[in-house]
Amino acid sequence: MDVLYFAWVRERIGVPREVVETSAATVMELVEELRAREERYAVAFEDISALRVALDQELSEFDAPLAGVREVAFFPPMTGG
């Protein structure tokens, strides 16, 4: 599946997107797999309360299932101004 990173998440990981092979059933399991990859992922996903996730461009939760999902995007909360 395609995994996209935005704002400071992208800066910490160092890439805007990548294709990830995963056996994760939920977003949280995917996060755990990513954290285990390298230190830069562990740092980026250290505090998931500071992150939002979208599945196939729809805002979702970290306990959401990944079955059938083609794109996961991680980004900080949006603020208005």
C-alpha atoms as a PDB file:
ATOM      1  CA  MET A   1       0.000   0.000   0.000  1.00  0.00           C
ATOM      2  CA  ASP A   2       1.055   3.598  -0.457  1.00  0.00           C
ATOM      3  CA  VAL A   3       1.972   5.414   2.745  1.00  0.00           C
ATOM      4  CA  LEU A   4       2.148   9.211   2.629  1.00  0.00           C
ATOM      5  CA  TYR A   5       3.756  11.527   5.163  1.00  0.00           C
ATOM      6  CA  PHE A   6       3.013  15.239   5.502  1.00  0.00           C
ATOM      7  CA  ALA A   7       4.540  18.246   7.298  1.00  0.00           C
ATOM      8  CA  TRP A   8       6.890  17.390  10.195  1.00  0.00           C
ATOM      9  CA  VAL A   9       6.152  13.669   9.819  1.00  0.00           C
ATOM     10  CA  ARG A  10       7.696  13.807   6.331  1.00  0.00           C
ATOM     11  CA  GLU A  11      10.620  15.842   7.646  1.00  0.00           C
ATOM     12  CA  ARG A  12      11.415  13.306  10.367  1.00  0.00           C
ATOM     13  CA  ILE A  13      11.104  10.268   8.123  1.00  0.00           C
ATOM     14  CA  GLY A  14      12.826  11.912   5.169  1.00  0.00           C
ATOM     15  CA  VAL A  15      10.486  10.837   2.355  1.00  0.00           C
ATOM     16  CA  PRO A  16       7.056  12.096   1.269  1.00  0.00           C
ATOM     17  CA  ARG A  17       5.695   8.653   0.346  1.00  0.00           C
ATOM     18  CA  GLU A  18       6.662   5.025   0.036  1.00  0.00           C
ATOM     19  CA  VAL A  19       5.165   1.676  -0.877  1.00  0.00           C
ATOM     20  CA  VAL A  20       4.917  -0.546   2.195  1.00  0.00           C
ATOM     21  CA  GLU A  21       4.371  -4.293   2.281  1.00  0.00           C
ATOM     22  CA  THR A  22       2.523  -5.019   5.492  1.00  0.00           C
ATOM     23  CA  SER A  23       0.661  -7.744   7.300  1.00  0.00           C
ATOM     24  CA  ALA A  24      -0.924  -5.189   9.643  1.00  0.00           C
ATOM     25  CA  ALA A  25      -4.656  -5.533  10.212  1.00  0.00           C
ATOM     26  CA  THR A  26      -5.124  -2.024  11.647  1.00  0.00           C
ATOM     27  CA  VAL A  27      -3.516   1.377  11.352  1.00  0.00           C
ATOM     28  CA  MET A  28      -1.976   0.960  14.818  1.00  0.00           C
ATOM     29  CA  GLU A  29      -0.355  -2.324  13.777  1.00  0.00           C
ATOM     30  CA  LEU A  30       1.079  -0.526  10.731  1.00  0.00           C
ATOM     31  CA  VAL A  31       2.443   2.190  13.023  1.00  0.00           C
ATOM     32  CA  GLU A  32       4.092  -0.486  15.187  1.00  0.00           C
ATOM     33  CA  GLU A  33       5.697  -2.055  12.089  1.00  0.00           C
ATOM     34  CA  LEU A  34       6.969   1.337  10.944  1.00  0.00           C
ATOM     35  CA  ARG A  35       8.331   2.213  14.413  1.00  0.00           C
ATOM     36  CA  ALA A  36      10.337  -1.018  14.395  1.00  0.00           C
ATOM     37  CA  ARG A  37      11.980  -0.200  11.038  1.00  0.00           C
ATOM     38  CA  GLU A  38      14.423   2.536  12.030  1.00  0.00           C
ATOM     39  CA  GLU A  39      14.959   5.268  14.601  1.00  0.00           C
ATOM     40  CA  ARG A  40      13.570   7.959  12.282  1.00  0.00           C
ATOM     41  CA  TYR A  41      10.212   6.162  12.169  1.00  0.00           C
ATOM     42  CA  ALA A  42      10.252   5.611  15.935  1.00  0.00           C
ATOM     43  CA  VAL A  43      10.763   9.349  16.422  1.00  0.00           C
ATOM     44  CA  ALA A  44       8.058  10.314  13.923  1.00  0.00           C
ATOM     45  CA  PHE A  45       5.499   7.978  15.506  1.00  0.00           C
ATOM     46  CA  GLU A  46       6.578   8.479  19.118  1.00  0.00           C
ATOM     47  CA  ASP A  47       3.394  10.349  20.091  1.00  0.00           C
ATOM     48  CA  ILE A  48       0.460   9.309  17.931  1.00  0.00           C
ATOM     49  CA  SER A  49      -1.830  11.695  19.835  1.00  0.00           C
ATOM     50  CA  ALA A  50      -0.039  14.385  17.802  1.00  0.00           C
ATOM     51  CA  LEU A  51      -1.007  12.686  14.524  1.00  0.00           C
ATOM     52  CA  ARG A  52      -4.036  12.189  12.336  1.00  0.00           C
ATOM     53  CA  VAL A  53      -4.525   9.457   9.752  1.00  0.00           C
ATOM     54  CA  ALA A  54      -6.521   9.226   6.543  1.00  0.00           C
ATOM     55  CA  LEU A  55      -7.361   5.990   4.735  1.00  0.00           C
ATOM     56  CA  ASP A  56      -7.964   6.409   1.007  1.00  0.00           C
ATOM     57  CA  GLN A  57      -8.311  10.164   1.633  1.00  0.00           C
ATOM     58  CA  GLU A  58     -10.903   9.859   4.411  1.00  0.00           C
ATOM     59  CA  LEU A  59     -10.086  10.874   7.981  1.00  0.00           C
ATOM     60  CA  SER A  60      -9.960   7.788  10.161  1.00  0.00           C
ATOM     61  CA  GLU A  61      -8.865   6.409  13.536  1.00  0.00           C
ATOM     62  CA  PHE A  62      -5.793   4.407  14.517  1.00  0.00           C
ATOM     63  CA  ASP A  63      -7.891   1.336  15.331  1.00  0.00           C
ATOM     64  CA  ALA A  64      -9.399   1.293  11.816  1.00  0.00           C
ATOM     65  CA  PRO A  65      -8.934  -1.863   9.735  1.00  0.00           C
ATOM     66  CA  LEU A  66      -6.621  -1.769   6.723  1.00  0.00           C
ATOM     67  CA  ALA A  67      -8.429  -4.440   4.665  1.00  0.00           C
ATOM     68  CA  GLY A  68      -8.889  -3.104   1.132  1.00  0.00           C
ATOM     69  CA  VAL A  69      -7.098   0.184   1.866  1.00  0.00           C
ATOM     70  CA  ARG A  70      -4.741   1.389  -0.874  1.00  0.00           C
ATOM     71  CA  GLU A  71      -3.434   4.602   0.692  1.00  0.00           C
ATOM     72  CA  VAL A  72      -2.609   5.626   4.270  1.00  0.00           C
ATOM     73  CA  ALA A  73      -1.639   9.220   5.029  1.00  0.00           C
ATOM     74  CA  PHE A  74      -0.150  10.493   8.287  1.00  0.00           C
ATOM     75  CA  PHE A  75      -0.179  14.192   9.165  1.00  0.00           C
ATOM     76  CA  PRO A  76      -0.354  16.558  12.139  1.00  0.00           C
ATOM     77  CA  PRO A  77      -3.724  18.050  13.104  1.00  0.00           C
ATOM     78  CA  MET A  78      -4.811  20.940  10.940  1.00  0.00           C
ATOM     79  CA  THR A  79      -5.230  24.373  12.453  1.00  0.00           C
ATOM     80  CA  GLY A  80      -7.227  27.214  11.004  1.00  0.00           C
ATOM     81  CA  GLY A  81      -6.258  30.797  10.735  1.00  0.00           C
END
